[in-house]
């Protein structure tokens, strides 16, 4: 079957500093998604922003470093946010 990968718990927005970099950014993110199945990427339908989700702050920091330093793509990362889900109250 395969590994059961839990859903990501932390996310941030990713945007290009310059308009010409968007295609390179999306290609690099696509490569990273193929390498790491615990990463998720989607475009928010309300804001149009690319949202990158991962397993923790360090996980997203490594992805950020690979995009900025290794691939030399000028991108801006929004603040890291934790996904919260309400569940039934505990007794």
PDB file of N, CA and C in Angstrom:
ATOM      1  N   UNK A   1       0.817  -1.200   0.000  1.00  0.00           N
ATOM      2  CA  UNK A   1       0.000   0.000   0.000  1.00  0.00           C
ATOM      3  C   UNK A   1       0.862   1.265   0.000  1.00  0.00           C
ATOM      4  N   UNK A   2       1.454   1.675   0.925  1.00  0.00           N
ATOM      5  CA  UNK A   2       2.188   2.931   0.970  1.00  0.00           C
ATOM      6  C   UNK A   2       2.132   3.496   2.366  1.00  0.00           C
ATOM      7  N   UNK A   3       2.835   4.545   2.562  1.00  0.00           N
ATOM      8  CA  UNK A   3       2.865   5.167   3.876  1.00  0.00           C
ATOM      9  C   UNK A   3       1.655   6.058   4.082  1.00  0.00           C
ATOM     10  N   UNK A   4       1.125   6.027   5.284  1.00  0.00           N
ATOM     11  CA  UNK A   4       0.043   6.942   5.645  1.00  0.00           C
ATOM     12  C   UNK A   4       0.689   8.229   6.160  1.00  0.00           C
ATOM     13  N   UNK A   5       0.557   9.292   5.406  1.00  0.00           N
ATOM     14  CA  UNK A   5       1.168  10.570   5.777  1.00  0.00           C
ATOM     15  C   UNK A   5       0.103  11.433   6.420  1.00  0.00           C
ATOM     16  N   UNK A   6       0.357  11.906   7.644  1.00  0.00           N
ATOM     17  CA  UNK A   6      -0.633  12.748   8.302  1.00  0.00           C
ATOM     18  C   UNK A   6      -0.782  14.087   7.579  1.00  0.00           C
ATOM     19  N   UNK A   7      -1.915  14.745   7.763  1.00  0.00           N
ATOM     20  CA  UNK A   7      -2.111  16.036   7.103  1.00  0.00           C
ATOM     21  C   UNK A   7      -1.172  17.098   7.684  1.00  0.00           C
ATOM     22  N   UNK A   8      -0.799  18.094   6.885  1.00  0.00           N
ATOM     23  CA  UNK A   8       0.088  19.153   7.368  1.00  0.00           C
ATOM     24  C   UNK A   8      -0.570  19.948   8.493  1.00  0.00           C
ATOM     25  N   UNK A   9       0.264  20.470   9.376  1.00  0.00           N
ATOM     26  CA  UNK A   9      -0.259  21.195  10.530  1.00  0.00           C
ATOM     27  C   UNK A   9       0.099  22.674  10.530  1.00  0.00           C
ATOM     28  N   UNK A  10       0.968  23.086   9.628  1.00  0.00           N
ATOM     29  CA  UNK A  10       1.411  24.478   9.624  1.00  0.00           C
ATOM     30  C   UNK A  10       1.505  24.946   8.176  1.00  0.00           C
ATOM     31  N   UNK A  11       1.196  26.212   7.937  1.00  0.00           N
ATOM     32  CA  UNK A  11       1.208  26.700   6.566  1.00  0.00           C
ATOM     33  C   UNK A  11       1.656  28.156   6.499  1.00  0.00           C
ATOM     34  N   UNK A  12       2.052  28.575   5.299  1.00  0.00           N
ATOM     35  CA  UNK A  12       2.417  29.970   5.058  1.00  0.00           C
ATOM     36  C   UNK A  12       2.128  30.286   3.596  1.00  0.00           C
ATOM     37  N   UNK A  13       2.014  31.561   3.300  1.00  0.00           N
ATOM     38  CA  UNK A  13       1.810  31.972   1.915  1.00  0.00           C
ATOM     39  C   UNK A  13       3.166  32.145   1.237  1.00  0.00           C
ATOM     40  N   UNK A  14       3.188  31.935  -0.071  1.00  0.00           N
ATOM     41  CA  UNK A  14       4.401  32.103  -0.865  1.00  0.00           C
ATOM     42  C   UNK A  14       4.037  32.972  -2.059  1.00  0.00           C
ATOM     43  N   UNK A  15       4.845  34.005  -2.282  1.00  0.00           N
ATOM     44  CA  UNK A  15       4.576  34.907  -3.393  1.00  0.00           C
ATOM     45  C   UNK A  15       5.901  35.329  -4.009  1.00  0.00           C
ATOM     46  N   UNK A  16       5.875  35.670  -5.273  1.00  0.00           N
ATOM     47  CA  UNK A  16       7.088  36.106  -5.961  1.00  0.00           C
ATOM     48  C   UNK A  16       7.341  37.584  -5.716  1.00  0.00           C
ATOM     49  N   UNK A  17       8.611  37.923  -5.575  1.00  0.00           N
ATOM     50  CA  UNK A  17       8.997  39.317  -5.432  1.00  0.00           C
ATOM     51  C   UNK A  17       8.880  40.049  -6.763  1.00  0.00           C
ATOM     52  N   UNK A  18       9.153  39.331  -7.844  1.00  0.00           N
ATOM     53  CA  UNK A  18       9.062  39.914  -9.179  1.00  0.00           C
ATOM     54  C   UNK A  18       8.123  39.068 -10.028  1.00  0.00           C
ATOM     55  N   UNK A  19       7.374  39.697 -10.923  1.00  0.00           N
ATOM     56  CA  UNK A  19       6.397  38.944 -11.728  1.00  0.00           C
ATOM     57  C   UNK A  19       7.006  37.841 -12.586  1.00  0.00           C
ATOM     58  N   UNK A  20       8.204  37.998 -13.086  1.00  0.00           N
ATOM     59  CA  UNK A  20       8.814  37.009 -13.952  1.00  0.00           C
ATOM     60  C   UNK A  20       9.250  35.734 -13.248  1.00  0.00           C
ATOM     61  N   UNK A  21       9.306  35.761 -11.917  1.00  0.00           N
ATOM     62  CA  UNK A  21       9.772  34.613 -11.146  1.00  0.00           C
ATOM     63  C   UNK A  21       8.678  33.582 -10.862  1.00  0.00           C
ATOM     64  N   UNK A  22       7.421  33.917 -11.123  1.00  0.00           N
ATOM     65  CA  UNK A  22       6.321  33.041 -10.721  1.00  0.00           C
ATOM     66  C   UNK A  22       6.408  31.657 -11.355  1.00  0.00           C
ATOM     67  N   UNK A  23       6.753  31.605 -12.627  1.00  0.00           N
ATOM     68  CA  UNK A  23       6.849  30.311 -13.309  1.00  0.00           C
ATOM     69  C   UNK A  23       7.975  29.460 -12.714  1.00  0.00           C
ATOM     70  N   UNK A  24       9.115  30.074 -12.442  1.00  0.00           N
ATOM     71  CA  UNK A  24      10.233  29.349 -11.831  1.00  0.00           C
ATOM     72  C   UNK A  24       9.878  28.874 -10.426  1.00  0.00           C
ATOM     73  N   UNK A  25       9.166  29.735  -9.670  1.00  0.00           N
ATOM     74  CA  UNK A  25       8.765  29.370  -8.305  1.00  0.00           C
ATOM     75  C   UNK A  25       7.835  28.160  -8.333  1.00  0.00           C
ATOM     76  N   UNK A  26       6.844  28.179  -9.191  1.00  0.00           N
ATOM     77  CA  UNK A  26       5.901  27.070  -9.255  1.00  0.00           C
ATOM     78  C   UNK A  26       6.584  25.785  -9.716  1.00  0.00           C
ATOM     79  N   UNK A  27       7.552  25.894 -10.626  1.00  0.00           N
ATOM     80  CA  UNK A  27       8.292  24.707 -11.077  1.00  0.00           C
ATOM     81  C   UNK A  27       9.127  24.138  -9.930  1.00  0.00           C
ATOM     82  N   UNK A  28       9.790  24.999  -9.174  1.00  0.00           N
ATOM     83  CA  UNK A  28      10.603  24.546  -8.044  1.00  0.00           C
ATOM     84  C   UNK A  28       9.730  23.926  -6.959  1.00  0.00           C
ATOM     85  N   UNK A  29       8.590  24.534  -6.675  1.00  0.00           N
ATOM     86  CA  UNK A  29       7.676  23.965  -5.681  1.00  0.00           C
ATOM     87  C   UNK A  29       7.148  22.614  -6.155  1.00  0.00           C
ATOM     88  N   UNK A  30       6.883  22.480  -7.442  1.00  0.00           N
ATOM     89  CA  UNK A  30       6.442  21.200  -7.990  1.00  0.00           C
ATOM     90  C   UNK A  30       7.487  20.115  -7.783  1.00  0.00           C
ATOM     91  N   UNK A  31       8.760  20.459  -7.990  1.00  0.00           N
ATOM     92  CA  UNK A  31       9.848  19.502  -7.753  1.00  0.00           C
ATOM     93  C   UNK A  31       9.923  19.105  -6.283  1.00  0.00           C
ATOM     94  N   UNK A  32       9.769  20.082  -5.397  1.00  0.00           N
ATOM     95  CA  UNK A  32       9.827  19.797  -3.965  1.00  0.00           C
ATOM     96  C   UNK A  32       8.658  18.914  -3.530  1.00  0.00           C
ATOM     97  N   UNK A  33       7.494  19.117  -4.132  1.00  0.00           N
ATOM     98  CA  UNK A  33       6.325  18.284  -3.810  1.00  0.00           C
ATOM     99  C   UNK A  33       6.545  16.838  -4.239  1.00  0.00           C
ATOM    100  N   UNK A  34       7.240  16.644  -5.358  1.00  0.00           N
ATOM    101  CA  UNK A  34       7.540  15.281  -5.806  1.00  0.00           C
ATOM    102  C   UNK A  34       8.528  14.596  -4.858  1.00  0.00           C
ATOM    103  N   UNK A  35       9.479  15.356  -4.329  1.00  0.00           N
ATOM    104  CA  UNK A  35      10.480  14.811  -3.415  1.00  0.00           C
ATOM    105  C   UNK A  35       9.904  14.521  -2.034  1.00  0.00           C
ATOM    106  N   UNK A  36       8.956  15.334  -1.593  1.00  0.00           N
ATOM    107  CA  UNK A  36       8.456  15.267  -0.215  1.00  0.00           C
ATOM    108  C   UNK A  36       6.929  15.200  -0.211  1.00  0.00           C
ATOM    109  N   UNK A  37       6.347  14.012  -0.062  1.00  0.00           N
ATOM    110  CA  UNK A  37       4.885  13.888  -0.100  1.00  0.00           C
ATOM    111  C   UNK A  37       4.168  14.496   1.112  1.00  0.00           C
ATOM    112  N   UNK A  38       4.903  14.910   2.136  1.00  0.00           N
ATOM    113  CA  UNK A  38       4.251  15.540   3.286  1.00  0.00           C
ATOM    114  C   UNK A  38       4.025  17.033   3.068  1.00  0.00           C
ATOM    115  N   UNK A  39       4.585  17.591   1.997  1.00  0.00           N
ATOM    116  CA  UNK A  39       4.323  18.990   1.634  1.00  0.00           C
ATOM    117  C   UNK A  39       3.035  19.065   0.823  1.00  0.00           C
ATOM    118  N   UNK A  40       2.295  20.132   1.021  1.00  0.00           N
ATOM    119  CA  UNK A  40       1.077  20.365   0.243  1.00  0.00           C
ATOM    120  C   UNK A  40       1.112  21.797  -0.261  1.00  0.00           C
ATOM    121  N   UNK A  41       0.563  22.006  -1.441  1.00  0.00           N
ATOM    122  CA  UNK A  41       0.509  23.328  -2.037  1.00  0.00           C
ATOM    123  C   UNK A  41      -0.862  23.511  -2.662  1.00  0.00           C
ATOM    124  N   UNK A  42      -1.482  24.637  -2.389  1.00  0.00           N
ATOM    125  CA  UNK A  42      -2.747  24.953  -3.044  1.00  0.00           C
ATOM    126  C   UNK A  42      -2.883  26.465  -3.171  1.00  0.00           C
ATOM    127  N   UNK A  43      -3.756  26.887  -4.039  1.00  0.00           N
ATOM    128  CA  UNK A  43      -4.028  28.314  -4.211  1.00  0.00           C
ATOM    129  C   UNK A  43      -5.333  28.623  -3.498  1.00  0.00           C
ATOM    130  N   UNK A  44      -5.289  29.597  -2.607  1.00  0.00           N
ATOM    131  CA  UNK A  44      -6.484  29.994  -1.856  1.00  0.00           C
ATOM    132  C   UNK A  44      -7.473  30.631  -2.826  1.00  0.00           C
ATOM    133  N   UNK A  45      -8.698  30.118  -2.895  1.00  0.00           N
ATOM    134  CA  UNK A  45      -9.662  30.660  -3.856  1.00  0.00           C
ATOM    135  C   UNK A  45     -10.097  32.093  -3.528  1.00  0.00           C
ATOM    136  N   UNK A  46     -10.046  32.485  -2.269  1.00  0.00           N
ATOM    137  CA  UNK A  46     -10.487  33.826  -1.887  1.00  0.00           C
ATOM    138  C   UNK A  46      -9.422  34.891  -2.149  1.00  0.00           C
ATOM    139  N   UNK A  47      -8.163  34.569  -1.817  1.00  0.00           N
ATOM    140  CA  UNK A  47      -7.094  35.566  -1.936  1.00  0.00           C
ATOM    141  C   UNK A  47      -6.227  35.373  -3.170  1.00  0.00           C
ATOM    142  N   UNK A  48      -6.230  34.175  -3.753  1.00  0.00           N
ATOM    143  CA  UNK A  48      -5.374  33.895  -4.897  1.00  0.00           C
ATOM    144  C   UNK A  48      -3.930  33.599  -4.528  1.00  0.00           C
ATOM    145  N   UNK A  49      -3.618  33.537  -3.231  1.00  0.00           N
ATOM    146  CA  UNK A  49      -2.255  33.277  -2.781  1.00  0.00           C
ATOM    147  C   UNK A  49      -1.933  31.788  -2.861  1.00  0.00           C
ATOM    148  N   UNK A  50      -0.646  31.494  -3.118  1.00  0.00           N
ATOM    149  CA  UNK A  50      -0.170  30.126  -3.003  1.00  0.00           C
ATOM    150  C   UNK A  50       0.056  29.837  -1.531  1.00  0.00           C
ATOM    151  N   UNK A  51      -0.480  28.728  -1.046  1.00  0.00           N
ATOM    152  CA  UNK A  51      -0.337  28.336   0.347  1.00  0.00           C
ATOM    153  C   UNK A  51       0.472  27.052   0.397  1.00  0.00           C
ATOM    154  N   UNK A  52       1.588  27.116   1.108  1.00  0.00           N
ATOM    155  CA  UNK A  52       2.470  25.970   1.289  1.00  0.00           C
ATOM    156  C   UNK A  52       2.239  25.428   2.693  1.00  0.00           C
ATOM    157  N   UNK A  53       1.995  24.132   2.804  1.00  0.00           N
ATOM    158  CA  UNK A  53       1.724  23.517   4.107  1.00  0.00           C
ATOM    159  C   UNK A  53       2.706  22.381   4.341  1.00  0.00           C
ATOM    160  N   UNK A  54       3.153  22.250   5.591  1.00  0.00           N
ATOM    161  CA  UNK A  54       4.107  21.213   5.947  1.00  0.00           C
ATOM    162  C   UNK A  54       3.890  20.716   7.362  1.00  0.00           C
ATOM    163  N   UNK A  55       4.847  19.923   7.823  1.00  0.00           N
ATOM    164  CA  UNK A  55       4.704  19.238   9.108  1.00  0.00           C
ATOM    165  C   UNK A  55       5.187  20.058  10.309  1.00  0.00           C
ATOM    166  N   UNK A  56       5.840  21.162  10.070  1.00  0.00           N
ATOM    167  CA  UNK A  56       6.308  21.980  11.181  1.00  0.00           C
ATOM    168  C   UNK A  56       7.048  23.198  10.674  1.00  0.00           C
ATOM    169  N   UNK A  57       7.408  24.084  11.591  1.00  0.00           N
ATOM    170  CA  UNK A  57       8.076  25.321  11.215  1.00  0.00           C
ATOM    171  C   UNK A  57       9.449  25.046  10.594  1.00  0.00           C
ATOM    172  N   UNK A  58      10.190  24.093  11.147  1.00  0.00           N
ATOM    173  CA  UNK A  58      11.495  23.746  10.590  1.00  0.00           C
ATOM    174  C   UNK A  58      11.345  23.174   9.179  1.00  0.00           C
ATOM    175  N   UNK A  59      10.335  22.372   8.971  1.00  0.00           N
ATOM    176  CA  UNK A  59      10.062  21.794   7.651  1.00  0.00           C
ATOM    177  C   UNK A  59       9.882  22.912   6.618  1.00  0.00           C
ATOM    178  N   UNK A  60       9.058  23.908   6.935  1.00  0.00           N
ATOM    179  CA  UNK A  60       8.833  25.009   6.006  1.00  0.00           C
ATOM    180  C   UNK A  60      10.079  25.884   5.869  1.00  0.00           C
ATOM    181  N   UNK A  61      10.858  26.000   6.922  1.00  0.00           N
ATOM    182  CA  UNK A  61      12.093  26.786   6.860  1.00  0.00           C
ATOM    183  C   UNK A  61      13.096  26.137   5.904  1.00  0.00           C
ATOM    184  N   UNK A  62      13.166  24.819   5.887  1.00  0.00           N
ATOM    185  CA  UNK A  62      14.051  24.109   4.961  1.00  0.00           C
ATOM    186  C   UNK A  62      13.598  24.331   3.519  1.00  0.00           C
ATOM    187  N   UNK A  63      12.303  24.269   3.278  1.00  0.00           N
ATOM    188  CA  UNK A  63      11.769  24.521   1.934  1.00  0.00           C
ATOM    189  C   UNK A  63      12.076  25.958   1.520  1.00  0.00           C
ATOM    190  N   UNK A  64      11.890  26.887   2.435  1.00  0.00           N
ATOM    191  CA  UNK A  64      12.186  28.304   2.173  1.00  0.00           C
ATOM    192  C   UNK A  64      13.644  28.479   1.787  1.00  0.00           C
ATOM    193  N   UNK A  65      14.533  27.834   2.525  1.00  0.00           N
ATOM    194  CA  UNK A  65      15.959  27.926   2.251  1.00  0.00           C
ATOM    195  C   UNK A  65      16.295  27.358   0.873  1.00  0.00           C
ATOM    196  N   UNK A  66      15.677  26.251   0.520  1.00  0.00           N
ATOM    197  CA  UNK A  66      15.955  25.634  -0.781  1.00  0.00           C
ATOM    198  C   UNK A  66      15.476  26.527  -1.921  1.00  0.00           C
ATOM    199  N   UNK A  67      14.380  27.229  -1.721  1.00  0.00           N
ATOM    200  CA  UNK A  67      13.867  28.106  -2.771  1.00  0.00           C
ATOM    201  C   UNK A  67      14.721  29.367  -2.891  1.00  0.00           C
ATOM    202  N   UNK A  68      15.022  29.998  -1.755  1.00  0.00           N
ATOM    203  CA  UNK A  68      15.751  31.261  -1.783  1.00  0.00           C
ATOM    204  C   UNK A  68      17.243  31.073  -2.059  1.00  0.00           C
ATOM    205  N   UNK A  69      17.873  30.134  -1.368  1.00  0.00           N
ATOM    206  CA  UNK A  69      19.326  30.002  -1.435  1.00  0.00           C
ATOM    207  C   UNK A  69      19.799  29.051  -2.527  1.00  0.00           C
ATOM    208  N   UNK A  70      19.164  27.903  -2.642  1.00  0.00           N
ATOM    209  CA  UNK A  70      19.618  26.903  -3.601  1.00  0.00           C
ATOM    210  C   UNK A  70      19.137  27.232  -5.015  1.00  0.00           C
ATOM    211  N   UNK A  71      17.845  27.504  -5.178  1.00  0.00           N
ATOM    212  CA  UNK A  71      17.287  27.781  -6.501  1.00  0.00           C
ATOM    213  C   UNK A  71      17.445  29.248  -6.901  1.00  0.00           C
ATOM    214  N   UNK A  72      17.812  30.104  -5.942  1.00  0.00           N
ATOM    215  CA  UNK A  72      18.012  31.544  -6.203  1.00  0.00           C
ATOM    216  C   UNK A  72      16.767  32.201  -6.799  1.00  0.00           C
ATOM    217  N   UNK A  73      15.614  31.858  -6.239  1.00  0.00           N
ATOM    218  CA  UNK A  73      14.355  32.457  -6.668  1.00  0.00           C
ATOM    219  C   UNK A  73      13.969  33.517  -5.649  1.00  0.00           C
ATOM    220  N   UNK A  74      13.641  34.705  -6.141  1.00  0.00           N
ATOM    221  CA  UNK A  74      13.229  35.786  -5.252  1.00  0.00           C
ATOM    222  C   UNK A  74      11.754  35.584  -4.891  1.00  0.00           C
ATOM    223  N   UNK A  75      11.517  35.138  -3.658  1.00  0.00           N
ATOM    224  CA  UNK A  75      10.151  34.875  -3.202  1.00  0.00           C
ATOM    225  C   UNK A  75       9.971  35.440  -1.803  1.00  0.00           C
ATOM    226  N   UNK A  76       8.745  35.741  -1.479  1.00  0.00           N
ATOM    227  CA  UNK A  76       8.396  36.230  -0.154  1.00  0.00           C
ATOM    228  C   UNK A  76       7.497  35.200   0.516  1.00  0.00           C
ATOM    229  N   UNK A  77       7.800  34.905   1.767  1.00  0.00           N
ATOM    230  CA  UNK A  77       7.026  33.949   2.546  1.00  0.00           C
ATOM    231  C   UNK A  77       6.272  34.698   3.626  1.00  0.00           C
ATOM    232  N   UNK A  78       4.974  34.427   3.732  1.00  0.00           N
ATOM    233  CA  UNK A  78       4.162  35.069   4.752  1.00  0.00           C
ATOM    234  C   UNK A  78       4.425  34.446   6.109  1.00  0.00           C
ATOM    235  N   UNK A  79       3.789  34.988   7.130  1.00  0.00           N
ATOM    236  CA  UNK A  79       3.978  34.429   8.475  1.00  0.00           C
ATOM    237  C   UNK A  79       3.462  32.995   8.550  1.00  0.00           C
ATOM    238  N   UNK A  80       4.127  32.205   9.374  1.00  0.00           N
ATOM    239  CA  UNK A  80       3.740  30.804   9.565  1.00  0.00           C
ATOM    240  C   UNK A  80       2.504  30.762  10.445  1.00  0.00           C
ATOM    241  N   UNK A  81       1.542  29.949  10.053  1.00  0.00           N
ATOM    242  CA  UNK A  81       0.292  29.821  10.814  1.00  0.00           C
ATOM    243  C   UNK A  81       0.016  28.350  11.077  1.00  0.00           C
ATOM    244  N   UNK A  82      -0.567  28.092  12.232  1.00  0.00           N
ATOM    245  CA  UNK A  82      -0.917  26.724  12.623  1.00  0.00           C
ATOM    246  C   UNK A  82      -2.368  26.472  12.254  1.00  0.00           C
ATOM    247  N   UNK A  83      -2.631  25.316  11.652  1.00  0.00           N
ATOM    248  CA  UNK A  83      -3.998  24.931  11.317  1.00  0.00           C
ATOM    249  C   UNK A  83      -4.693  24.441  12.583  1.00  0.00           C
ATOM    250  N   UNK A  84      -5.795  25.051  12.910  1.00  0.00           N
ATOM    251  CA  UNK A  84      -6.560  24.648  14.095  1.00  0.00           C
ATOM    252  C   UNK A  84      -7.866  24.018  13.651  1.00  0.00           C
ATOM    253  N   UNK A  85      -8.207  22.938  14.305  1.00  0.00           N
ATOM    254  CA  UNK A  85      -9.485  22.283  14.033  1.00  0.00           C
ATOM    255  C   UNK A  85     -10.195  22.077  15.352  1.00  0.00           C
ATOM    256  N   UNK A  86     -11.439  22.484  15.397  1.00  0.00           N
ATOM    257  CA  UNK A  86     -12.214  22.286  16.616  1.00  0.00           C
ATOM    258  C   UNK A  86     -12.773  20.867  16.623  1.00  0.00           C
ATOM    259  N   UNK A  87     -12.779  20.283  17.759  1.00  0.00           N
ATOM    260  CA  UNK A  87     -13.342  18.951  17.916  1.00  0.00           C
ATOM    261  C   UNK A  87     -14.332  18.960  19.059  1.00  0.00           C
ATOM    262  N   UNK A  88     -14.886  17.816  19.352  1.00  0.00           N
ATOM    263  CA  UNK A  88     -15.843  17.759  20.461  1.00  0.00           C
ATOM    264  C   UNK A  88     -15.120  18.039  21.787  1.00  0.00           C
ATOM    265  N   UNK A  89     -15.810  18.639  22.721  1.00  0.00           N
ATOM    266  CA  UNK A  89     -15.181  18.918  24.021  1.00  0.00           C
ATOM    267  C   UNK A  89     -14.820  17.635  24.744  1.00  0.00           C
ATOM    268  N   UNK A  90     -13.710  17.693  25.467  1.00  0.00           N
ATOM    269  CA  UNK A  90     -13.273  16.526  26.256  1.00  0.00           C
ATOM    270  C   UNK A  90     -13.913  16.579  27.627  1.00  0.00           C
ATOM    271  N   UNK A  91     -14.338  15.449  28.099  1.00  0.00           N
ATOM    272  CA  UNK A  91     -14.954  15.386  29.452  1.00  0.00           C
ATOM    273  C   UNK A  91     -13.943  15.031  30.493  1.00  0.00           C
TER     274      UNK A  91
END
